[in-house]
Each structure stands twice: as C-alpha cells, then as structure tokens.
C-alpha cells in the first residue's frame, strides 16, 4: 500500500503529526510519502492507494495554502482519502464565552467539513478523519498526541 500525505503546517505541528503518521504506518509495512503543500505541485500528484490531507484551521477553515492546493489538485475520481487536522483545543468558559460542546464547535471549526466538501466534489471517497489539538495558536501539540495519531492510524484500512 502506498500513501501520499499532504499537509499545510504553519508552525510545525502538522509536520510533526505527519511524521508520526509516517512512522506508525512504516511499522505496519506501509510506505508514506509526506509533502508540504507549498512544495507540492497540485497538477502532478503521484499515484497512491490513499491520500491523507492535514491542515491547521484559520478562522474555522483550512488555511489558504491547503484550500488553494485542493482546488487545483489533480486527483482521480473514486480514489480514497483521509483527513487529519490540527485545531486549537477548546477551553471551557474563559472570560468570553467559548463554545464547548461538539455541536457548538462544529459551527465555528469547519476545517474537516470544508476539506471533505472540496474532495467529495472531485469524486474522492473518505475512509477516515481525525483531529489533533494544539494548546495554543502556535502549539504545542496536546499531551499524548501520538495516541490520537495511533487512533487515526487504526481507522486506515490497510490492504496488501
């Protein structure tokens, strides 16, 4: 199985997540090639059995580099994909009202739904999605974030 992983890490958190995903999949005998979208050519995406996309959020959506990459991405219809994003961890009730329920978060954190919509419009098929929280705008990643990557890896169907 071959996986191409495209991320739009701004402060290095998404790159760490991609490297951990690559390490965990290698332990299962799966090849993962990791690319930052700034250095990848969306019209020349290599063939793969699965594509993984990762992006931090900006104002509740994937950052512009990822949205631009996905708009131009030349991917065949029917191919499988997964999404693993980094999002700011919710902090219940600070000085201002911050949404804390999953329903409330869904109204302002739309990174995964936006990526899904863009890829499904191209005919791609989702197999998994997940998120890793960061504890500040620039990070660091939440404690034990590797366990979240492990849970995401467990969702990936590995075929010979």
C-alpha atoms as a PDB file:
ATOM      1  CA  UNK A   1       0.000   0.000   0.000  1.00  0.00           C
ATOM      2  CA  UNK A   2       1.243   3.492  -0.862  1.00  0.00           C
ATOM      3  CA  UNK A   3       0.067   6.668   0.866  1.00  0.00           C
ATOM      4  CA  UNK A   4       0.749  10.268  -0.145  1.00  0.00           C
ATOM      5  CA  UNK A   5       0.341  12.682   2.799  1.00  0.00           C
ATOM      6  CA  UNK A   6      -0.087  16.412   2.070  1.00  0.00           C
ATOM      7  CA  UNK A   7      -0.050  18.903   4.934  1.00  0.00           C
ATOM      8  CA  UNK A   8      -0.108  22.675   5.279  1.00  0.00           C
ATOM      9  CA  UNK A   9       1.692  23.004   8.607  1.00  0.00           C
ATOM     10  CA  UNK A  10       2.288  26.625   9.551  1.00  0.00           C
ATOM     11  CA  UNK A  11       4.064  26.322  12.922  1.00  0.00           C
ATOM     12  CA  UNK A  12       5.397  22.770  12.608  1.00  0.00           C
ATOM     13  CA  UNK A  13       2.622  20.963  14.486  1.00  0.00           C
ATOM     14  CA  UNK A  14       1.089  19.431  11.371  1.00  0.00           C
ATOM     15  CA  UNK A  15       4.560  18.371  10.178  1.00  0.00           C
ATOM     16  CA  UNK A  16       5.118  16.536  13.483  1.00  0.00           C
ATOM     17  CA  UNK A  17       1.745  14.816  13.114  1.00  0.00           C
ATOM     18  CA  UNK A  18       2.601  13.802   9.519  1.00  0.00           C
ATOM     19  CA  UNK A  19       5.978  12.393  10.613  1.00  0.00           C
ATOM     20  CA  UNK A  20       4.337  10.405  13.420  1.00  0.00           C
ATOM     21  CA  UNK A  21       1.735   9.047  11.000  1.00  0.00           C
ATOM     22  CA  UNK A  22       4.533   8.076   8.616  1.00  0.00           C
ATOM     23  CA  UNK A  23       6.455   6.345  11.446  1.00  0.00           C
ATOM     24  CA  UNK A  24       3.423   4.404  12.683  1.00  0.00           C
ATOM     25  CA  UNK A  25       2.419   3.304   9.182  1.00  0.00           C
ATOM     26  CA  UNK A  26       6.013   2.224   8.403  1.00  0.00           C
ATOM     27  CA  UNK A  27       5.799  -0.080  11.430  1.00  0.00           C
ATOM     28  CA  UNK A  28       2.866  -1.746   9.621  1.00  0.00           C
ATOM     29  CA  UNK A  29       4.873  -2.055   6.400  1.00  0.00           C
ATOM     30  CA  UNK A  30       3.134   0.837   4.637  1.00  0.00           C
ATOM     31  CA  UNK A  31       5.027   3.445   2.618  1.00  0.00           C
ATOM     32  CA  UNK A  32       4.021   7.048   3.322  1.00  0.00           C
ATOM     33  CA  UNK A  33       5.475   9.988   1.404  1.00  0.00           C
ATOM     34  CA  UNK A  34       4.995  13.303   3.212  1.00  0.00           C
ATOM     35  CA  UNK A  35       4.720  16.619   1.334  1.00  0.00           C
ATOM     36  CA  UNK A  36       4.142  20.207   2.427  1.00  0.00           C
ATOM     37  CA  UNK A  37       1.601  21.737   0.038  1.00  0.00           C
ATOM     38  CA  UNK A  38       3.895  24.745  -0.561  1.00  0.00           C
ATOM     39  CA  UNK A  39       6.428  22.412  -2.176  1.00  0.00           C
ATOM     40  CA  UNK A  40       3.987  20.100  -3.969  1.00  0.00           C
ATOM     41  CA  UNK A  41       2.560  20.599  -7.434  1.00  0.00           C
ATOM     42  CA  UNK A  42      -1.216  20.012  -7.323  1.00  0.00           C
ATOM     43  CA  UNK A  43      -1.334  19.079 -11.019  1.00  0.00           C
ATOM     44  CA  UNK A  44       1.444  16.470 -10.548  1.00  0.00           C
ATOM     45  CA  UNK A  45       0.253  14.445  -7.562  1.00  0.00           C
ATOM     46  CA  UNK A  46       1.823  10.979  -7.580  1.00  0.00           C
ATOM     47  CA  UNK A  47      -0.491   7.958  -7.776  1.00  0.00           C
ATOM     48  CA  UNK A  48      -1.341   6.314  -4.447  1.00  0.00           C
ATOM     49  CA  UNK A  49      -3.776   3.924  -2.808  1.00  0.00           C
ATOM     50  CA  UNK A  50      -4.719   6.598  -0.261  1.00  0.00           C
ATOM     51  CA  UNK A  51      -4.220  10.339   0.101  1.00  0.00           C
ATOM     52  CA  UNK A  52      -4.102  11.980   3.520  1.00  0.00           C
ATOM     53  CA  UNK A  53      -4.622  15.724   3.931  1.00  0.00           C
ATOM     54  CA  UNK A  54      -3.761  17.739   7.019  1.00  0.00           C
ATOM     55  CA  UNK A  55      -4.284  21.411   7.732  1.00  0.00           C
ATOM     56  CA  UNK A  56      -4.482  23.756  10.672  1.00  0.00           C
ATOM     57  CA  UNK A  57      -7.506  25.977  10.906  1.00  0.00           C
ATOM     58  CA  UNK A  58      -7.655  29.698  10.251  1.00  0.00           C
ATOM     59  CA  UNK A  59     -10.899  31.410  11.198  1.00  0.00           C
ATOM     60  CA  UNK A  60     -12.513  27.966  11.333  1.00  0.00           C
ATOM     61  CA  UNK A  61     -11.466  26.847   7.827  1.00  0.00           C
ATOM     62  CA  UNK A  62      -8.391  25.131   6.386  1.00  0.00           C
ATOM     63  CA  UNK A  63      -5.610  27.656   5.791  1.00  0.00           C
ATOM     64  CA  UNK A  64      -5.401  29.241   2.354  1.00  0.00           C
ATOM     65  CA  UNK A  65      -2.429  27.154   1.177  1.00  0.00           C
ATOM     66  CA  UNK A  66      -4.435  23.952   1.671  1.00  0.00           C
ATOM     67  CA  UNK A  67      -7.623  25.323   0.116  1.00  0.00           C
ATOM     68  CA  UNK A  68      -5.673  26.527  -2.921  1.00  0.00           C
ATOM     69  CA  UNK A  69      -3.879  23.197  -3.240  1.00  0.00           C
ATOM     70  CA  UNK A  70      -7.133  21.224  -3.044  1.00  0.00           C
ATOM     71  CA  UNK A  71      -8.834  23.459  -5.640  1.00  0.00           C
ATOM     72  CA  UNK A  72      -6.057  22.752  -8.140  1.00  0.00           C
ATOM     73  CA  UNK A  73      -5.376  19.127  -7.132  1.00  0.00           C
ATOM     74  CA  UNK A  74      -5.480  16.665  -9.998  1.00  0.00           C
ATOM     75  CA  UNK A  75      -6.880  13.551  -8.321  1.00  0.00           C
ATOM     76  CA  UNK A  76      -8.804  10.733 -10.000  1.00  0.00           C
ATOM     77  CA  UNK A  77     -12.450  10.254  -9.064  1.00  0.00           C
ATOM     78  CA  UNK A  78     -13.070   7.291  -6.779  1.00  0.00           C
ATOM     79  CA  UNK A  79      -9.688   7.433  -5.050  1.00  0.00           C
ATOM     80  CA  UNK A  80      -9.666   7.105  -1.244  1.00  0.00           C
ATOM     81  CA  UNK A  81      -8.658   9.863   1.140  1.00  0.00           C
ATOM     82  CA  UNK A  82      -8.398  10.638   4.850  1.00  0.00           C
ATOM     83  CA  UNK A  83      -8.206  13.920   6.762  1.00  0.00           C
ATOM     84  CA  UNK A  84      -6.129  14.566   9.888  1.00  0.00           C
ATOM     85  CA  UNK A  85      -6.178  18.194  11.038  1.00  0.00           C
ATOM     86  CA  UNK A  86      -4.746  20.241  13.882  1.00  0.00           C
ATOM     87  CA  UNK A  87      -7.149  22.504  15.765  1.00  0.00           C
ATOM     88  CA  UNK A  88      -6.921  24.780  18.768  1.00  0.00           C
ATOM     89  CA  UNK A  89      -8.061  22.898  21.871  1.00  0.00           C
ATOM     90  CA  UNK A  90     -11.304  24.263  23.292  1.00  0.00           C
ATOM     91  CA  UNK A  91     -11.017  25.893  26.701  1.00  0.00           C
ATOM     92  CA  UNK A  92     -14.269  25.844  28.619  1.00  0.00           C
ATOM     93  CA  UNK A  93     -15.572  29.140  29.873  1.00  0.00           C
ATOM     94  CA  UNK A  94     -12.876  31.782  29.895  1.00  0.00           C
ATOM     95  CA  UNK A  95     -13.555  35.497  30.195  1.00  0.00           C
ATOM     96  CA  UNK A  96     -15.549  35.275  26.979  1.00  0.00           C
ATOM     97  CA  UNK A  97     -17.953  32.511  26.002  1.00  0.00           C
ATOM     98  CA  UNK A  98     -16.116  29.823  24.045  1.00  0.00           C
ATOM     99  CA  UNK A  99     -18.191  27.010  22.550  1.00  0.00           C
ATOM    100  CA  UNK A 100     -17.507  23.737  24.344  1.00  0.00           C
ATOM    101  CA  UNK A 101     -19.998  21.183  23.052  1.00  0.00           C
ATOM    102  CA  UNK A 102     -19.290  19.230  19.855  1.00  0.00           C
ATOM    103  CA  UNK A 103     -22.359  20.868  18.271  1.00  0.00           C
ATOM    104  CA  UNK A 104     -21.141  24.376  19.163  1.00  0.00           C
ATOM    105  CA  UNK A 105     -17.598  23.610  17.969  1.00  0.00           C
ATOM    106  CA  UNK A 106     -18.995  22.340  14.669  1.00  0.00           C
ATOM    107  CA  UNK A 107     -20.426  25.791  13.986  1.00  0.00           C
ATOM    108  CA  UNK A 108     -17.017  27.511  14.185  1.00  0.00           C
ATOM    109  CA  UNK A 109     -14.485  24.742  13.444  1.00  0.00           C
ATOM    110  CA  UNK A 110     -15.151  23.721   9.864  1.00  0.00           C
ATOM    111  CA  UNK A 111     -11.686  22.541   8.820  1.00  0.00           C
ATOM    112  CA  UNK A 112     -12.695  18.908   8.278  1.00  0.00           C
ATOM    113  CA  UNK A 113     -16.094  19.656   6.649  1.00  0.00           C
ATOM    114  CA  UNK A 114     -14.513  22.124   4.193  1.00  0.00           C
ATOM    115  CA  UNK A 115     -11.794  19.655   3.165  1.00  0.00           C
ATOM    116  CA  UNK A 116     -14.389  16.875   2.844  1.00  0.00           C
ATOM    117  CA  UNK A 117     -16.619  19.043   0.677  1.00  0.00           C
ATOM    118  CA  UNK A 118     -13.764  20.040  -1.637  1.00  0.00           C
ATOM    119  CA  UNK A 119     -12.578  16.441  -2.095  1.00  0.00           C
ATOM    120  CA  UNK A 120     -16.012  14.861  -2.407  1.00  0.00           C
ATOM    121  CA  UNK A 121     -16.875  17.368  -5.154  1.00  0.00           C
ATOM    122  CA  UNK A 122     -13.941  15.838  -7.059  1.00  0.00           C
ATOM    123  CA  UNK A 123     -15.392  12.352  -6.509  1.00  0.00           C
ATOM    124  CA  UNK A 124     -12.963  11.169  -3.826  1.00  0.00           C
ATOM    125  CA  UNK A 125     -14.091   8.688  -1.158  1.00  0.00           C
ATOM    126  CA  UNK A 126     -13.425   9.365   2.541  1.00  0.00           C
ATOM    127  CA  UNK A 127     -12.145   6.488   4.676  1.00  0.00           C
ATOM    128  CA  UNK A 128     -11.186   8.292   7.899  1.00  0.00           C
ATOM    129  CA  UNK A 129     -10.971  11.646   9.625  1.00  0.00           C
ATOM    130  CA  UNK A 130      -9.456  12.880  12.850  1.00  0.00           C
ATOM    131  CA  UNK A 131      -8.112  15.887  14.694  1.00  0.00           C
ATOM    132  CA  UNK A 132      -5.188  16.593  16.954  1.00  0.00           C
ATOM    133  CA  UNK A 133      -5.491  19.539  19.322  1.00  0.00           C
ATOM    134  CA  UNK A 134      -2.846  22.181  19.920  1.00  0.00           C
ATOM    135  CA  UNK A 135      -2.812  24.003  23.246  1.00  0.00           C
ATOM    136  CA  UNK A 136      -2.004  27.447  21.832  1.00  0.00           C
ATOM    137  CA  UNK A 137      -2.288  29.170  18.468  1.00  0.00           C
ATOM    138  CA  UNK A 138       1.295  28.184  17.606  1.00  0.00           C
ATOM    139  CA  UNK A 139       1.254  24.983  19.647  1.00  0.00           C
ATOM    140  CA  UNK A 140       2.473  22.861  21.208  1.00  0.00           C
ATOM    141  CA  UNK A 141       0.501  19.738  20.457  1.00  0.00           C
ATOM    142  CA  UNK A 142      -1.691  18.393  23.256  1.00  0.00           C
ATOM    143  CA  UNK A 143      -0.071  15.934  25.691  1.00  0.00           C
ATOM    144  CA  UNK A 144      -0.074  12.344  24.394  1.00  0.00           C
ATOM    145  CA  UNK A 145      -0.957  13.489  20.868  1.00  0.00           C
ATOM    146  CA  UNK A 146       0.796  10.405  19.491  1.00  0.00           C
ATOM    147  CA  UNK A 147      -2.079   8.310  20.894  1.00  0.00           C
ATOM    148  CA  UNK A 148      -4.513  10.343  18.777  1.00  0.00           C
ATOM    149  CA  UNK A 149      -2.396   9.626  15.693  1.00  0.00           C
ATOM    150  CA  UNK A 150      -2.417   5.953  16.675  1.00  0.00           C
ATOM    151  CA  UNK A 151      -6.233   6.009  16.893  1.00  0.00           C
ATOM    152  CA  UNK A 152      -6.357   7.617  13.428  1.00  0.00           C
ATOM    153  CA  UNK A 153      -3.934   5.018  12.002  1.00  0.00           C
ATOM    154  CA  UNK A 154      -6.249   2.287  13.338  1.00  0.00           C
ATOM    155  CA  UNK A 155      -9.042   3.701  11.122  1.00  0.00           C
ATOM    156  CA  UNK A 156      -6.965   3.341   7.941  1.00  0.00           C
ATOM    157  CA  UNK A 157      -7.820   0.171   6.015  1.00  0.00           C
ATOM    158  CA  UNK A 158      -4.506  -1.453   5.132  1.00  0.00           C
ATOM    159  CA  UNK A 159      -4.591  -3.624   2.054  1.00  0.00           C
ATOM    160  CA  UNK A 160      -1.687  -5.711   0.687  1.00  0.00           C
END
